[in-house]
N, C-alpha and C. Protein backbone atom coordinates (compact mmCIF):
# COMPACT_ATOMS: atom_id res chain seq x y z
N MET A 1 -65.60 230.86 347.20
CA MET A 1 -64.74 230.87 345.82
C MET A 1 -65.65 231.98 344.95
N ALA A 2 -65.13 233.10 344.62
CA ALA A 2 -65.97 234.38 343.67
C ALA A 2 -66.30 233.64 342.40
N GLU A 3 -66.95 233.92 341.96
CA GLU A 3 -67.60 233.61 340.49
C GLU A 3 -66.78 234.22 339.60
N ARG A 4 -66.01 233.23 338.45
CA ARG A 4 -65.33 234.13 337.54
C ARG A 4 -66.61 235.12 336.73
N ASP A 5 -66.12 236.30 335.97
CA ASP A 5 -66.72 236.77 335.08
C ASP A 5 -66.08 236.54 333.13
N PHE A 6 -66.48 235.70 333.07
CA PHE A 6 -65.88 234.70 331.46
C PHE A 6 -66.21 235.73 330.50
N LYS A 7 -67.48 236.36 330.22
CA LYS A 7 -67.49 237.48 329.48
C LYS A 7 -65.98 238.46 329.53
N GLN A 8 -65.73 238.84 330.75
CA GLN A 8 -64.70 239.91 330.73
C GLN A 8 -63.50 239.02 330.26
N GLU A 9 -63.36 237.90 330.72
CA GLU A 9 -62.12 237.26 330.28
C GLU A 9 -62.26 237.28 328.79
N LEU A 10 -63.11 237.01 328.16
CA LEU A 10 -63.23 236.90 326.85
C LEU A 10 -62.61 238.14 326.21
N ASP A 11 -63.17 239.02 326.46
CA ASP A 11 -62.95 240.17 326.26
C ASP A 11 -61.47 241.03 326.53
N GLU A 12 -60.79 240.48 327.50
CA GLU A 12 -59.63 240.95 327.87
C GLU A 12 -58.47 240.15 326.92
N LEU A 13 -58.88 239.07 326.62
CA LEU A 13 -58.13 238.18 325.52
C LEU A 13 -58.45 238.71 324.14
N ARG A 14 -59.57 239.10 323.94
CA ARG A 14 -59.67 239.50 322.95
C ARG A 14 -58.87 241.04 322.54
N ALA A 15 -59.00 242.04 323.34
CA ALA A 15 -58.28 243.21 323.57
C ALA A 15 -57.01 243.15 323.83
N GLY A 16 -56.28 241.86 323.82
CA GLY A 16 -54.84 241.44 324.01
C GLY A 16 -54.23 241.85 325.32
N LYS A 17 -55.05 242.15 326.33
CA LYS A 17 -54.92 242.07 327.72
C LYS A 17 -54.23 241.23 328.28
N ILE A 18 -54.45 239.69 327.99
CA ILE A 18 -54.17 238.46 328.35
C ILE A 18 -53.99 237.74 327.44
N ASP A 19 -53.25 236.77 327.21
CA ASP A 19 -52.62 236.02 326.24
C ASP A 19 -53.38 234.75 325.92
N GLN A 20 -54.02 234.18 327.08
CA GLN A 20 -54.98 232.83 327.18
C GLN A 20 -55.44 232.70 328.87
N PHE A 21 -56.89 231.78 328.74
CA PHE A 21 -57.06 231.45 330.32
C PHE A 21 -57.29 230.01 330.23
N GLU A 22 -57.54 229.75 331.21
CA GLU A 22 -57.94 228.23 331.23
C GLU A 22 -59.35 227.79 332.00
N ILE A 23 -59.73 226.85 331.53
CA ILE A 23 -61.46 226.79 331.65
C ILE A 23 -60.94 225.07 332.01
N GLY A 24 -61.68 224.78 333.55
CA GLY A 24 -61.69 223.26 334.10
C GLY A 24 -62.68 222.67 333.77
N PRO A 25 -62.67 221.31 334.24
CA PRO A 25 -64.20 220.75 334.17
C PRO A 25 -65.33 221.10 335.07
N ASP A 26 -64.83 221.69 336.27
CA ASP A 26 -66.20 222.18 337.18
C ASP A 26 -66.66 223.61 336.53
N ASN A 27 -65.81 224.21 336.00
CA ASN A 27 -66.88 225.47 335.51
C ASN A 27 -66.96 225.37 333.31
N PHE A 28 -67.00 224.28 333.12
CA PHE A 28 -67.32 224.38 331.40
C PHE A 28 -68.56 224.53 331.43
N GLN A 29 -69.19 223.85 331.79
CA GLN A 29 -70.84 224.12 331.51
C GLN A 29 -71.51 225.75 331.69
N GLU A 30 -71.15 226.71 332.76
CA GLU A 30 -71.26 227.48 333.14
C GLU A 30 -70.62 228.42 331.81
N PHE A 31 -69.13 228.26 331.53
CA PHE A 31 -68.28 229.25 330.56
C PHE A 31 -69.00 228.88 329.20
N GLN A 32 -69.09 227.72 328.71
CA GLN A 32 -70.05 227.12 327.34
C GLN A 32 -71.20 228.07 327.11
N ARG A 33 -71.97 228.80 328.06
CA ARG A 33 -72.99 229.16 327.92
C ARG A 33 -72.80 230.82 327.33
N ILE A 34 -71.64 231.28 328.01
CA ILE A 34 -71.22 232.76 327.57
C ILE A 34 -70.63 232.65 326.14
N TYR A 35 -69.63 231.63 326.16
CA TYR A 35 -68.85 231.40 324.92
C TYR A 35 -69.70 231.23 323.99
N HIS A 36 -70.53 230.41 323.73
CA HIS A 36 -71.76 230.25 323.04
C HIS A 36 -72.32 231.54 322.27
N ALA A 37 -72.61 232.69 323.20
CA ALA A 37 -73.17 233.59 322.94
C ALA A 37 -72.58 235.02 322.72
N TYR A 38 -71.04 234.76 322.77
CA TYR A 38 -70.15 235.78 322.60
C TYR A 38 -69.64 235.75 321.09
N PRO A 39 -70.01 237.38 320.58
CA PRO A 39 -69.89 237.36 319.15
C PRO A 39 -68.85 237.39 318.51
N TYR A 40 -67.47 237.36 319.56
CA TYR A 40 -66.50 237.37 318.41
C TYR A 40 -65.75 235.52 318.90
N ARG A 41 -66.60 234.60 319.08
CA ARG A 41 -65.98 233.40 319.36
C ARG A 41 -64.91 232.97 318.11
N THR A 42 -65.56 233.11 317.26
CA THR A 42 -64.92 232.73 315.99
C THR A 42 -63.45 233.20 315.82
N GLN A 43 -62.92 233.99 316.63
CA GLN A 43 -61.82 234.46 317.02
C GLN A 43 -60.97 233.74 317.70
N ILE A 44 -61.54 232.93 318.70
CA ILE A 44 -60.88 232.53 319.65
C ILE A 44 -61.00 230.98 319.80
N THR A 45 -59.79 230.37 320.15
CA THR A 45 -59.80 228.95 319.91
C THR A 45 -59.17 228.07 321.27
N GLY A 46 -59.96 227.03 321.50
CA GLY A 46 -59.63 226.23 322.93
C GLY A 46 -58.53 224.84 322.44
N GLN A 47 -57.96 224.74 323.26
CA GLN A 47 -56.82 223.38 323.38
C GLN A 47 -57.19 222.60 324.27
N ALA A 48 -57.76 221.40 324.26
CA ALA A 48 -58.11 220.40 325.14
C ALA A 48 -57.07 219.93 325.51
N HIS A 49 -56.87 219.54 326.96
CA HIS A 49 -55.64 218.89 327.73
C HIS A 49 -56.19 217.64 328.78
N ILE A 50 -55.47 217.06 328.89
CA ILE A 50 -55.49 215.80 329.80
C ILE A 50 -56.10 216.50 331.26
N GLY A 51 -56.98 215.87 331.61
CA GLY A 51 -57.41 216.02 332.72
C GLY A 51 -58.66 217.08 332.80
N GLY A 52 -59.26 217.16 331.37
CA GLY A 52 -60.43 218.12 331.10
C GLY A 52 -60.24 219.86 331.37
N LYS A 53 -58.93 219.98 331.32
CA LYS A 53 -58.68 221.74 331.28
C LYS A 53 -58.69 221.82 329.89
N ILE A 54 -59.27 223.15 329.24
CA ILE A 54 -59.33 223.72 328.16
C ILE A 54 -58.28 224.93 328.21
N ILE A 55 -57.35 225.20 327.41
CA ILE A 55 -56.80 226.97 327.18
C ILE A 55 -57.25 227.41 326.05
N TYR A 56 -57.89 228.42 326.35
CA TYR A 56 -58.24 229.43 325.14
C TYR A 56 -57.16 230.46 325.02
N ARG A 57 -57.49 230.39 323.69
CA ARG A 57 -56.28 231.78 322.97
C ARG A 57 -56.81 232.36 322.00
N MET A 58 -56.53 233.76 321.64
CA MET A 58 -56.80 234.17 320.23
C MET A 58 -56.32 233.57 318.86
N ILE A 59 -57.27 233.37 317.82
CA ILE A 59 -56.29 232.59 316.78
C ILE A 59 -55.54 233.68 316.09
N LYS A 60 -54.39 233.38 315.73
CA LYS A 60 -53.44 234.21 315.18
C LYS A 60 -53.77 234.57 313.80
N ARG A 61 -53.41 235.65 313.14
CA ARG A 61 -53.85 235.80 311.95
C ARG A 61 -52.89 236.28 310.87
């Protein structure tokens, strides 16, 4: 399985290339390190769902 480029996904979300992306419990720890270092993380919100998946979207202003 290829590793995901979480920074690229965050950049694509911020640029409007994608509307959302999903993180599961299996890659949450890896994603969190990148998310907390991301300079625009305050513009992105995650919504937790049953089963440990989180859907990240841009905050609408």
